[in-house]
Amino acid sequence: MDMRETLVAAALTVLEQNGAEKFSTRAVCSIANVTAPTLYYHFGSADGLLSAAVGEAHRQFLERKKAAIRSSDPVLALEEGWNDFVRFAAERPRLYAALMARLMQGGDIPAFGQGYALLVERVEAIAAAGRLAMAVKDAAQTAWASANAASLLHVAAALQVTAALQQPDPAVIDGLRDRAMKAICKSRSK
């Protein structure tokens, strides 16, 4: 692993442990066993390192998402992708929060665009099978919004946003997915 990769891996560790709001280059340097000038030589600033770490996290997420899809049925493939998206947020809530914060701040994250394009491809496959109940754009937005809503329930509970938000009941998560899928897809005729 070269120094840039080492620093990005250390930055991901800090993000997962502390979140973006407590991101510290000092902690990254300690984990990577380097001095601050080395970090700044490779990334220019803390923001440059944070951008690289978020980009790497999105790349890892995208690779995982591609591997998660096993079904050749386009509807089941969309469900598998939805489930994997939510599982990622549940397993890595601080990293998910950092990714979404960066996205909402207008950060350039090429892997995000690739991931959304993958979602649109899955929806287009449902349309090609004659099973789409709405426009492709609307279906992709419905899938994305519902997966993010379910993910936010996990993140808010994990980060203890409020004591009232506990880990979501799996039935609530499944219900969000099932209602989105029912809206997106035509029911199969018997």
N, C-alpha and C. Protein backbone atom coordinates (compact mmCIF):
# COMPACT_ATOMS: atom_id res chain seq x y z
N MET A 1 0.85 -1.17 0.00
CA MET A 1 0.00 0.00 0.00
C MET A 1 0.90 1.24 0.00
N ASP A 2 0.63 2.17 -0.93
CA ASP A 2 1.45 3.38 -0.98
C ASP A 2 0.96 4.38 0.08
N MET A 3 1.67 5.47 0.24
CA MET A 3 1.38 6.43 1.30
C MET A 3 -0.01 7.06 1.15
N ARG A 4 -0.41 7.39 -0.08
CA ARG A 4 -1.75 7.95 -0.28
C ARG A 4 -2.81 6.96 0.19
N GLU A 5 -2.67 5.70 -0.19
CA GLU A 5 -3.64 4.68 0.22
C GLU A 5 -3.64 4.50 1.74
N THR A 6 -2.46 4.55 2.33
CA THR A 6 -2.35 4.43 3.79
C THR A 6 -3.09 5.57 4.48
N LEU A 7 -2.89 6.78 3.98
CA LEU A 7 -3.55 7.94 4.57
C LEU A 7 -5.07 7.90 4.37
N VAL A 8 -5.51 7.47 3.21
CA VAL A 8 -6.95 7.36 2.96
C VAL A 8 -7.56 6.29 3.87
N ALA A 9 -6.88 5.16 4.01
CA ALA A 9 -7.38 4.10 4.90
C ALA A 9 -7.47 4.61 6.34
N ALA A 10 -6.46 5.36 6.77
CA ALA A 10 -6.49 5.93 8.12
C ALA A 10 -7.62 6.93 8.25
N ALA A 11 -7.84 7.73 7.22
CA ALA A 11 -8.93 8.71 7.25
C ALA A 11 -10.29 8.01 7.33
N LEU A 12 -10.45 6.91 6.63
CA LEU A 12 -11.69 6.14 6.71
C LEU A 12 -11.90 5.60 8.12
N THR A 13 -10.83 5.15 8.73
CA THR A 13 -10.93 4.67 10.11
C THR A 13 -11.40 5.79 11.04
N VAL A 14 -10.82 6.97 10.89
CA VAL A 14 -11.22 8.11 11.73
C VAL A 14 -12.68 8.48 11.46
N LEU A 15 -13.08 8.49 10.21
CA LEU A 15 -14.48 8.80 9.88
C LEU A 15 -15.43 7.80 10.53
N GLU A 16 -15.07 6.52 10.48
CA GLU A 16 -15.96 5.51 11.05
C GLU A 16 -15.99 5.57 12.57
N GLN A 17 -14.90 5.95 13.17
CA GLN A 17 -14.85 6.01 14.64
C GLN A 17 -15.46 7.30 15.17
N ASN A 18 -15.19 8.42 14.51
CA ASN A 18 -15.54 9.72 15.05
C ASN A 18 -16.58 10.50 14.25
N GLY A 19 -16.78 10.13 12.99
CA GLY A 19 -17.67 10.88 12.13
C GLY A 19 -16.95 12.09 11.53
N ALA A 20 -17.57 12.70 10.54
CA ALA A 20 -16.96 13.84 9.84
C ALA A 20 -16.84 15.06 10.74
N GLU A 21 -17.78 15.23 11.67
CA GLU A 21 -17.76 16.42 12.51
C GLU A 21 -16.58 16.43 13.47
N LYS A 22 -16.01 15.26 13.76
CA LYS A 22 -14.85 15.19 14.65
C LYS A 22 -13.62 14.66 13.92
N PHE A 23 -13.63 14.84 12.59
CA PHE A 23 -12.50 14.39 11.78
C PHE A 23 -11.26 15.18 12.16
N SER A 24 -10.17 14.47 12.37
CA SER A 24 -8.94 15.11 12.82
C SER A 24 -7.74 14.60 12.01
N THR A 25 -6.99 15.53 11.44
CA THR A 25 -5.79 15.11 10.72
C THR A 25 -4.76 14.56 11.70
N ARG A 26 -4.77 15.05 12.92
CA ARG A 26 -3.85 14.53 13.94
C ARG A 26 -4.12 13.04 14.18
N ALA A 27 -5.40 12.66 14.25
CA ALA A 27 -5.76 11.25 14.44
C ALA A 27 -5.35 10.43 13.21
N VAL A 28 -5.54 10.98 12.03
CA VAL A 28 -5.15 10.28 10.80
C VAL A 28 -3.64 10.05 10.80
N CYS A 29 -2.88 11.09 11.11
CA CYS A 29 -1.42 10.96 11.14
C CYS A 29 -0.98 9.92 12.16
N SER A 30 -1.64 9.88 13.29
CA SER A 30 -1.29 8.91 14.33
C SER A 30 -1.52 7.48 13.84
N ILE A 31 -2.66 7.24 13.21
CA ILE A 31 -2.97 5.90 12.70
C ILE A 31 -2.02 5.52 11.59
N ALA A 32 -1.74 6.46 10.68
CA ALA A 32 -0.86 6.19 9.53
C ALA A 32 0.62 6.22 9.91
N ASN A 33 0.90 6.69 11.13
CA ASN A 33 2.28 6.79 11.61
C ASN A 33 3.13 7.70 10.70
N VAL A 34 2.57 8.89 10.42
CA VAL A 34 3.27 9.89 9.61
C VAL A 34 3.14 11.24 10.30
N THR A 35 3.86 12.21 9.79
CA THR A 35 3.76 13.57 10.31
C THR A 35 2.80 14.38 9.43
N ALA A 36 2.34 15.49 9.96
CA ALA A 36 1.40 16.35 9.23
C ALA A 36 1.94 16.80 7.87
N PRO A 37 3.22 17.15 7.75
CA PRO A 37 3.70 17.57 6.43
C PRO A 37 3.53 16.47 5.36
N THR A 38 3.64 15.22 5.76
CA THR A 38 3.44 14.12 4.80
C THR A 38 2.00 14.13 4.31
N LEU A 39 1.07 14.28 5.24
CA LEU A 39 -0.35 14.33 4.87
C LEU A 39 -0.60 15.49 3.92
N TYR A 40 -0.11 16.67 4.26
CA TYR A 40 -0.35 17.86 3.44
C TYR A 40 0.36 17.78 2.10
N TYR A 41 1.49 17.10 2.05
CA TYR A 41 2.20 16.90 0.78
C TYR A 41 1.32 16.11 -0.19
N HIS A 42 0.65 15.09 0.31
CA HIS A 42 -0.15 14.22 -0.55
C HIS A 42 -1.55 14.77 -0.85
N PHE A 43 -2.13 15.54 0.06
CA PHE A 43 -3.53 15.96 -0.11
C PHE A 43 -3.76 17.46 -0.07
N GLY A 44 -2.73 18.24 0.28
CA GLY A 44 -2.85 19.68 0.28
C GLY A 44 -3.56 20.28 1.49
N SER A 45 -4.57 19.58 1.98
CA SER A 45 -5.34 20.10 3.12
C SER A 45 -6.13 18.96 3.75
N ALA A 46 -6.70 19.25 4.90
CA ALA A 46 -7.57 18.27 5.56
C ALA A 46 -8.78 17.99 4.66
N ASP A 47 -9.29 19.04 4.01
CA ASP A 47 -10.44 18.85 3.13
C ASP A 47 -10.08 17.97 1.93
N GLY A 48 -8.87 18.13 1.42
CA GLY A 48 -8.43 17.27 0.31
C GLY A 48 -8.39 15.81 0.73
N LEU A 49 -7.90 15.55 1.93
CA LEU A 49 -7.87 14.18 2.45
C LEU A 49 -9.28 13.67 2.68
N LEU A 50 -10.13 14.50 3.26
CA LEU A 50 -11.51 14.10 3.52
C LEU A 50 -12.23 13.79 2.20
N SER A 51 -12.00 14.59 1.19
CA SER A 51 -12.60 14.33 -0.13
C SER A 51 -12.12 13.00 -0.70
N ALA A 52 -10.84 12.73 -0.57
CA ALA A 52 -10.29 11.46 -1.06
C ALA A 52 -10.87 10.28 -0.29
N ALA A 53 -11.03 10.43 1.01
CA ALA A 53 -11.58 9.35 1.83
C ALA A 53 -13.04 9.09 1.48
N VAL A 54 -13.81 10.15 1.31
CA VAL A 54 -15.22 10.00 0.94
C VAL A 54 -15.33 9.36 -0.44
N GLY A 55 -14.48 9.77 -1.37
CA GLY A 55 -14.47 9.16 -2.70
C GLY A 55 -14.15 7.68 -2.63
N GLU A 56 -13.19 7.31 -1.80
CA GLU A 56 -12.83 5.90 -1.63
C GLU A 56 -13.97 5.13 -0.98
N ALA A 57 -14.63 5.71 -0.01
CA ALA A 57 -15.76 5.04 0.63
C ALA A 57 -16.88 4.79 -0.37
N HIS A 58 -17.15 5.77 -1.22
CA HIS A 58 -18.17 5.59 -2.25
C HIS A 58 -17.75 4.51 -3.24
N ARG A 59 -16.47 4.47 -3.59
CA ARG A 59 -15.99 3.44 -4.51
C ARG A 59 -16.18 2.06 -3.89
N GLN A 60 -15.83 1.90 -2.62
CA GLN A 60 -16.01 0.62 -1.93
C GLN A 60 -17.49 0.24 -1.87
N PHE A 61 -18.33 1.23 -1.58
CA PHE A 61 -19.76 1.00 -1.51
C PHE A 61 -20.29 0.52 -2.86
N LEU A 62 -19.84 1.15 -3.94
CA LEU A 62 -20.28 0.79 -5.28
C LEU A 62 -19.84 -0.63 -5.63
N GLU A 63 -18.60 -0.99 -5.31
CA GLU A 63 -18.12 -2.34 -5.58
C GLU A 63 -18.94 -3.37 -4.81
N ARG A 64 -19.22 -3.05 -3.56
CA ARG A 64 -20.03 -3.95 -2.73
C ARG A 64 -21.42 -4.10 -3.33
N LYS A 65 -22.00 -3.00 -3.78
CA LYS A 65 -23.34 -3.01 -4.36
C LYS A 65 -23.38 -3.88 -5.61
N LYS A 66 -22.39 -3.76 -6.45
CA LYS A 66 -22.34 -4.59 -7.66
C LYS A 66 -22.27 -6.07 -7.31
N ALA A 67 -21.51 -6.39 -6.27
CA ALA A 67 -21.35 -7.79 -5.87
C ALA A 67 -22.60 -8.34 -5.17
N ALA A 68 -23.42 -7.46 -4.61
CA ALA A 68 -24.59 -7.90 -3.84
C ALA A 68 -25.72 -8.41 -4.73
N ILE A 69 -25.73 -7.99 -5.98
CA ILE A 69 -26.84 -8.36 -6.85
C ILE A 69 -26.60 -9.75 -7.42
N ARG A 70 -27.51 -10.64 -7.09
CA ARG A 70 -27.36 -12.03 -7.53
C ARG A 70 -28.49 -12.45 -8.48
N SER A 71 -29.62 -11.81 -8.37
CA SER A 71 -30.80 -12.23 -9.11
C SER A 71 -30.78 -11.71 -10.54
N SER A 72 -31.25 -12.54 -11.46
CA SER A 72 -31.40 -12.08 -12.84
C SER A 72 -32.78 -11.44 -13.04
N ASP A 73 -33.68 -11.63 -12.08
CA ASP A 73 -34.98 -10.98 -12.13
C ASP A 73 -34.76 -9.50 -11.78
N PRO A 74 -35.15 -8.58 -12.67
CA PRO A 74 -34.84 -7.16 -12.43
C PRO A 74 -35.50 -6.59 -11.16
N VAL A 75 -36.68 -7.06 -10.82
CA VAL A 75 -37.34 -6.57 -9.61
C VAL A 75 -36.57 -7.05 -8.38
N LEU A 76 -36.21 -8.32 -8.36
CA LEU A 76 -35.44 -8.84 -7.22
C LEU A 76 -34.07 -8.19 -7.15
N ALA A 77 -33.47 -7.91 -8.30
CA ALA A 77 -32.17 -7.23 -8.30
C ALA A 77 -32.28 -5.84 -7.69
N LEU A 78 -33.37 -5.13 -7.99
CA LEU A 78 -33.58 -3.81 -7.39
C LEU A 78 -33.74 -3.94 -5.87
N GLU A 79 -34.50 -4.93 -5.44
CA GLU A 79 -34.67 -5.16 -4.00
C GLU A 79 -33.34 -5.50 -3.32
N GLU A 80 -32.54 -6.33 -3.97
CA GLU A 80 -31.23 -6.69 -3.40
C GLU A 80 -30.35 -5.45 -3.27
N GLY A 81 -30.36 -4.61 -4.28
CA GLY A 81 -29.58 -3.37 -4.21
C GLY A 81 -30.08 -2.45 -3.11
N TRP A 82 -31.40 -2.36 -2.97
CA TRP A 82 -32.01 -1.55 -1.91
C TRP A 82 -31.56 -2.07 -0.54
N ASN A 83 -31.69 -3.38 -0.36
CA ASN A 83 -31.31 -3.99 0.92
C ASN A 83 -29.83 -3.75 1.23
N ASP A 84 -28.98 -3.86 0.23
CA ASP A 84 -27.55 -3.67 0.46
C ASP A 84 -27.24 -2.22 0.83
N PHE A 85 -27.91 -1.29 0.18
CA PHE A 85 -27.74 0.13 0.49
C PHE A 85 -28.05 0.38 1.97
N VAL A 86 -29.19 -0.11 2.41
CA VAL A 86 -29.62 0.10 3.80
C VAL A 86 -28.69 -0.64 4.77
N ARG A 87 -28.28 -1.83 4.41
CA ARG A 87 -27.36 -2.60 5.26
C ARG A 87 -26.03 -1.87 5.45
N PHE A 88 -25.53 -1.25 4.39
CA PHE A 88 -24.30 -0.47 4.49
C PHE A 88 -24.46 0.64 5.53
N ALA A 89 -25.57 1.36 5.47
CA ALA A 89 -25.80 2.45 6.43
C ALA A 89 -25.93 1.91 7.84
N ALA A 90 -26.58 0.77 8.00
CA ALA A 90 -26.74 0.18 9.33
C ALA A 90 -25.41 -0.29 9.91
N GLU A 91 -24.55 -0.83 9.05
CA GLU A 91 -23.26 -1.35 9.50
C GLU A 91 -22.21 -0.26 9.69
N ARG A 92 -22.30 0.82 8.92
CA ARG A 92 -21.29 1.87 8.94
C ARG A 92 -21.95 3.24 9.02
N PRO A 93 -22.69 3.49 10.11
CA PRO A 93 -23.52 4.71 10.16
C PRO A 93 -22.75 6.02 10.08
N ARG A 94 -21.60 6.11 10.71
CA ARG A 94 -20.84 7.37 10.65
C ARG A 94 -20.29 7.61 9.25
N LEU A 95 -19.86 6.56 8.61
CA LEU A 95 -19.35 6.70 7.25
C LEU A 95 -20.49 7.08 6.30
N TYR A 96 -21.64 6.43 6.44
CA TYR A 96 -22.80 6.78 5.62
C TYR A 96 -23.16 8.25 5.82
N ALA A 97 -23.18 8.69 7.08
CA ALA A 97 -23.51 10.09 7.38
C ALA A 97 -22.50 11.04 6.72
N ALA A 98 -21.23 10.68 6.78
CA ALA A 98 -20.19 11.51 6.16
C ALA A 98 -20.36 11.56 4.63
N LEU A 99 -20.69 10.42 4.04
CA LEU A 99 -20.90 10.37 2.59
C LEU A 99 -22.07 11.27 2.19
N MET A 100 -23.17 11.15 2.89
CA MET A 100 -24.35 11.93 2.54
C MET A 100 -24.12 13.42 2.81
N ALA A 101 -23.42 13.73 3.89
CA ALA A 101 -23.13 15.15 4.18
C ALA A 101 -22.29 15.74 3.06
N ARG A 102 -21.29 15.01 2.61
CA ARG A 102 -20.42 15.50 1.54
C ARG A 102 -21.23 15.70 0.26
N LEU A 103 -22.11 14.76 -0.02
CA LEU A 103 -22.96 14.86 -1.20
C LEU A 103 -23.86 16.10 -1.10
N MET A 104 -24.46 16.31 0.05
CA MET A 104 -25.37 17.45 0.24
C MET A 104 -24.63 18.79 0.21
N GLN A 105 -23.32 18.75 0.48
CA GLN A 105 -22.52 19.98 0.42
C GLN A 105 -22.03 20.25 -1.00
N GLY A 106 -22.43 19.39 -1.94
CA GLY A 106 -22.06 19.60 -3.33
C GLY A 106 -20.72 19.01 -3.70
N GLY A 107 -20.21 18.10 -2.89
CA GLY A 107 -18.93 17.47 -3.19
C GLY A 107 -18.99 16.66 -4.48
N ASP A 108 -17.91 16.67 -5.21
CA ASP A 108 -17.81 15.91 -6.45
C ASP A 108 -17.41 14.49 -6.10
N ILE A 109 -18.36 13.57 -6.23
CA ILE A 109 -18.11 12.17 -5.88
C ILE A 109 -18.49 11.32 -7.09
N PRO A 110 -17.52 11.04 -7.99
CA PRO A 110 -17.84 10.28 -9.21
C PRO A 110 -18.52 8.94 -8.95
N ALA A 111 -18.13 8.25 -7.89
CA ALA A 111 -18.74 6.94 -7.61
C ALA A 111 -20.22 7.07 -7.29
N PHE A 112 -20.63 8.22 -6.75
CA PHE A 112 -22.06 8.40 -6.49
C PHE A 112 -22.82 8.41 -7.81
N GLY A 113 -22.33 9.17 -8.77
CA GLY A 113 -22.97 9.21 -10.08
C GLY A 113 -23.03 7.83 -10.72
N GLN A 114 -21.97 7.07 -10.56
CA GLN A 114 -21.95 5.71 -11.10
C GLN A 114 -22.98 4.82 -10.39
N GLY A 115 -23.09 5.01 -9.08
CA GLY A 115 -24.07 4.23 -8.31
C GLY A 115 -25.50 4.56 -8.72
N TYR A 116 -25.76 5.85 -8.91
CA TYR A 116 -27.12 6.24 -9.32
C TYR A 116 -27.40 5.74 -10.74
N ALA A 117 -26.39 5.76 -11.60
CA ALA A 117 -26.56 5.22 -12.96
C ALA A 117 -26.89 3.73 -12.91
N LEU A 118 -26.26 3.02 -11.97
CA LEU A 118 -26.54 1.59 -11.78
C LEU A 118 -28.00 1.40 -11.35
N LEU A 119 -28.48 2.25 -10.46
CA LEU A 119 -29.88 2.19 -10.03
C LEU A 119 -30.80 2.42 -11.24
N VAL A 120 -30.50 3.42 -12.05
CA VAL A 120 -31.33 3.70 -13.23
C VAL A 120 -31.31 2.50 -14.18
N GLU A 121 -30.15 1.85 -14.35
CA GLU A 121 -30.08 0.65 -15.21
C GLU A 121 -31.00 -0.44 -14.69
N ARG A 122 -31.03 -0.62 -13.37
CA ARG A 122 -31.91 -1.64 -12.79
C ARG A 122 -33.37 -1.31 -13.05
N VAL A 123 -33.72 -0.04 -12.91
CA VAL A 123 -35.10 0.38 -13.16
C VAL A 123 -35.43 0.21 -14.64
N GLU A 124 -34.48 0.54 -15.52
CA GLU A 124 -34.71 0.37 -16.96
C GLU A 124 -34.92 -1.10 -17.32
N ALA A 125 -34.24 -2.01 -16.61
CA ALA A 125 -34.44 -3.44 -16.84
C ALA A 125 -35.86 -3.86 -16.44
N ILE A 126 -36.38 -3.26 -15.39
CA ILE A 126 -37.76 -3.53 -14.98
C ILE A 126 -38.71 -3.03 -16.06
N ALA A 127 -38.42 -1.85 -16.59
CA ALA A 127 -39.24 -1.29 -17.67
C ALA A 127 -39.19 -2.18 -18.90
N ALA A 128 -38.00 -2.66 -19.25
CA ALA A 128 -37.85 -3.53 -20.42
C ALA A 128 -38.62 -4.84 -20.25
N ALA A 129 -38.78 -5.27 -19.01
CA ALA A 129 -39.56 -6.49 -18.74
C ALA A 129 -41.05 -6.21 -18.68
N GLY A 130 -41.44 -4.93 -18.88
CA GLY A 130 -42.85 -4.56 -18.88
C GLY A 130 -43.46 -4.53 -17.48
N ARG A 131 -42.63 -4.34 -16.48
CA ARG A 131 -43.12 -4.41 -15.10
C ARG A 131 -43.02 -3.09 -14.34
N LEU A 132 -42.69 -2.00 -15.03
CA LEU A 132 -42.53 -0.71 -14.37
C LEU A 132 -43.87 0.03 -14.35
N ALA A 133 -44.24 0.57 -13.18
CA ALA A 133 -45.53 1.22 -13.01
C ALA A 133 -45.46 2.74 -13.12
N MET A 134 -44.28 3.30 -13.32
CA MET A 134 -44.12 4.76 -13.42
C MET A 134 -42.94 5.04 -14.33
N ALA A 135 -42.67 6.30 -14.57
CA ALA A 135 -41.53 6.68 -15.40
C ALA A 135 -40.23 6.23 -14.74
N VAL A 136 -39.23 5.94 -15.55
CA VAL A 136 -37.93 5.47 -15.05
C VAL A 136 -37.36 6.46 -14.05
N LYS A 137 -37.37 7.75 -14.38
CA LYS A 137 -36.82 8.78 -13.49
C LYS A 137 -37.53 8.76 -12.14
N ASP A 138 -38.84 8.68 -12.17
CA ASP A 138 -39.63 8.68 -10.93
C ASP A 138 -39.36 7.42 -10.11
N ALA A 139 -39.25 6.30 -10.77
CA ALA A 139 -38.99 5.04 -10.07
C ALA A 139 -37.61 5.05 -9.41
N ALA A 140 -36.62 5.57 -10.12
CA ALA A 140 -35.26 5.65 -9.55
C ALA A 140 -35.27 6.58 -8.33
N GLN A 141 -35.96 7.71 -8.43
CA GLN A 141 -36.03 8.62 -7.30
C GLN A 141 -36.77 8.00 -6.12
N THR A 142 -37.82 7.24 -6.39
CA THR A 142 -38.57 6.57 -5.33
C THR A 142 -37.70 5.54 -4.63
N ALA A 143 -36.96 4.75 -5.39
CA ALA A 143 -36.08 3.74 -4.79
C ALA A 143 -34.99 4.41 -3.97
N TRP A 144 -34.38 5.46 -4.53
CA TRP A 144 -33.28 6.15 -3.83
C TRP A 144 -33.78 6.81 -2.55
N ALA A 145 -34.91 7.49 -2.64
CA ALA A 145 -35.44 8.20 -1.47
C ALA A 145 -35.85 7.22 -0.37
N SER A 146 -36.49 6.13 -0.72
CA SER A 146 -36.93 5.18 0.30
C SER A 146 -35.74 4.48 0.95
N ALA A 147 -34.70 4.16 0.18
CA ALA A 147 -33.50 3.53 0.75
C ALA A 147 -32.79 4.50 1.69
N ASN A 148 -32.74 5.78 1.31
CA ASN A 148 -32.13 6.78 2.19
C ASN A 148 -32.96 7.00 3.45
N ALA A 149 -34.28 6.96 3.34
CA ALA A 149 -35.13 7.12 4.52
C ALA A 149 -34.89 5.98 5.50
N ALA A 150 -34.85 4.76 4.98
CA ALA A 150 -34.59 3.60 5.85
C ALA A 150 -33.20 3.69 6.46
N SER A 151 -32.24 4.11 5.67
CA SER A 151 -30.86 4.26 6.15
C SER A 151 -30.78 5.30 7.26
N LEU A 152 -31.51 6.39 7.09
CA LEU A 152 -31.49 7.45 8.09
C LEU A 152 -32.03 6.97 9.44
N LEU A 153 -32.99 6.06 9.43
CA LEU A 153 -33.48 5.50 10.70
C LEU A 153 -32.35 4.78 11.43
N HIS A 154 -31.56 4.00 10.70
CA HIS A 154 -30.43 3.30 11.31
C HIS A 154 -29.38 4.29 11.82
N VAL A 155 -29.06 5.26 11.00
CA VAL A 155 -28.01 6.23 11.35
C VAL A 155 -28.42 7.06 12.56
N ALA A 156 -29.66 7.56 12.56
CA ALA A 156 -30.13 8.39 13.68
C ALA A 156 -30.10 7.61 14.99
N ALA A 157 -30.46 6.33 14.93
CA ALA A 157 -30.42 5.50 16.14
C ALA A 157 -28.98 5.24 16.58
N ALA A 158 -28.12 4.90 15.63
CA ALA A 158 -26.72 4.59 15.96
C ALA A 158 -25.98 5.80 16.51
N LEU A 159 -26.28 6.97 15.97
CA LEU A 159 -25.60 8.19 16.41
C LEU A 159 -26.32 8.84 17.60
N GLN A 160 -27.37 8.20 18.05
CA GLN A 160 -28.12 8.66 19.22
C GLN A 160 -28.54 10.12 19.08
N VAL A 161 -29.17 10.40 17.94
CA VAL A 161 -29.66 11.74 17.66
C VAL A 161 -30.64 12.17 18.75
N THR A 162 -31.47 11.26 19.18
CA THR A 162 -32.40 11.48 20.29
C THR A 162 -32.71 10.13 20.92
N ALA A 163 -32.99 10.13 22.20
CA ALA A 163 -33.29 8.87 22.89
C ALA A 163 -34.54 8.21 22.34
N ALA A 164 -35.42 9.01 21.75
CA ALA A 164 -36.67 8.46 21.22
C ALA A 164 -36.45 7.59 19.99
N LEU A 165 -35.34 7.80 19.29
CA LEU A 165 -35.06 7.00 18.09
C LEU A 165 -34.21 5.80 18.45
N GLN A 166 -34.84 4.65 18.49
CA GLN A 166 -34.15 3.40 18.76
C GLN A 166 -33.86 2.72 17.43
N GLN A 167 -33.10 1.63 17.48
CA GLN A 167 -32.86 0.87 16.26
C GLN A 167 -34.21 0.52 15.64
N PRO A 168 -34.37 0.72 14.35
CA PRO A 168 -35.67 0.46 13.72
C PRO A 168 -36.02 -1.02 13.71
N ASP A 169 -37.28 -1.28 13.87
CA ASP A 169 -37.79 -2.64 13.77
C ASP A 169 -37.58 -3.10 12.33
N PRO A 170 -37.07 -4.30 12.11
CA PRO A 170 -36.89 -4.79 10.74
C PRO A 170 -38.17 -4.73 9.91
N ALA A 171 -39.32 -4.87 10.56
CA ALA A 171 -40.59 -4.79 9.83
C ALA A 171 -40.81 -3.39 9.26
N VAL A 172 -40.34 -2.36 9.95
CA VAL A 172 -40.47 -0.98 9.45
C VAL A 172 -39.60 -0.82 8.21
N ILE A 173 -38.37 -1.32 8.29
CA ILE A 173 -37.46 -1.23 7.14
C ILE A 173 -38.04 -2.00 5.96
N ASP A 174 -38.47 -3.23 6.21
CA ASP A 174 -39.07 -4.04 5.13
C ASP A 174 -40.30 -3.36 4.55
N GLY A 175 -41.09 -2.72 5.41
CA GLY A 175 -42.29 -2.02 4.94
C GLY A 175 -41.95 -0.86 4.02
N LEU A 176 -40.91 -0.11 4.36
CA LEU A 176 -40.48 0.99 3.49
C LEU A 176 -40.09 0.45 2.11
N ARG A 177 -39.30 -0.62 2.12
CA ARG A 177 -38.88 -1.22 0.84
C ARG A 177 -40.08 -1.75 0.08
N ASP A 178 -40.95 -2.49 0.76
CA ASP A 178 -42.08 -3.13 0.07
C ASP A 178 -43.05 -2.11 -0.51
N ARG A 179 -43.30 -1.01 0.23
CA ARG A 179 -44.19 0.03 -0.30
C ARG A 179 -43.56 0.72 -1.51
N ALA A 180 -42.26 0.96 -1.45
CA ALA A 180 -41.59 1.57 -2.61
C ALA A 180 -41.66 0.63 -3.82
N MET A 181 -41.39 -0.65 -3.58
CA MET A 181 -41.41 -1.61 -4.69
C MET A 181 -42.81 -1.75 -5.27
N LYS A 182 -43.82 -1.71 -4.41
CA LYS A 182 -45.21 -1.80 -4.89
C LYS A 182 -45.56 -0.60 -5.76
N ALA A 183 -45.05 0.59 -5.39
CA ALA A 183 -45.29 1.78 -6.19
C ALA A 183 -44.53 1.74 -7.52
N ILE A 184 -43.33 1.19 -7.48
CA ILE A 184 -42.45 1.17 -8.65
C ILE A 184 -42.87 0.13 -9.68
N CYS A 185 -43.29 -1.03 -9.20
CA CYS A 185 -43.52 -2.18 -10.08
C CYS A 185 -45.00 -2.52 -10.22
N LYS A 186 -45.35 -2.95 -11.41
CA LYS A 186 -46.69 -3.47 -11.64
C LYS A 186 -46.77 -4.84 -10.97
N SER A 187 -47.94 -5.16 -10.45
CA SER A 187 -48.08 -6.50 -9.88
C SER A 187 -48.12 -7.50 -11.02
N ARG A 188 -47.60 -8.66 -10.73
CA ARG A 188 -47.56 -9.70 -11.78
C ARG A 188 -48.95 -10.28 -11.97
N SER A 189 -49.32 -10.47 -13.24
CA SER A 189 -50.60 -11.12 -13.49
C SER A 189 -50.44 -12.63 -13.30
N LYS A 190 -51.50 -13.21 -12.85
CA LYS A 190 -51.44 -14.65 -12.55
C LYS A 190 -51.93 -15.47 -13.68
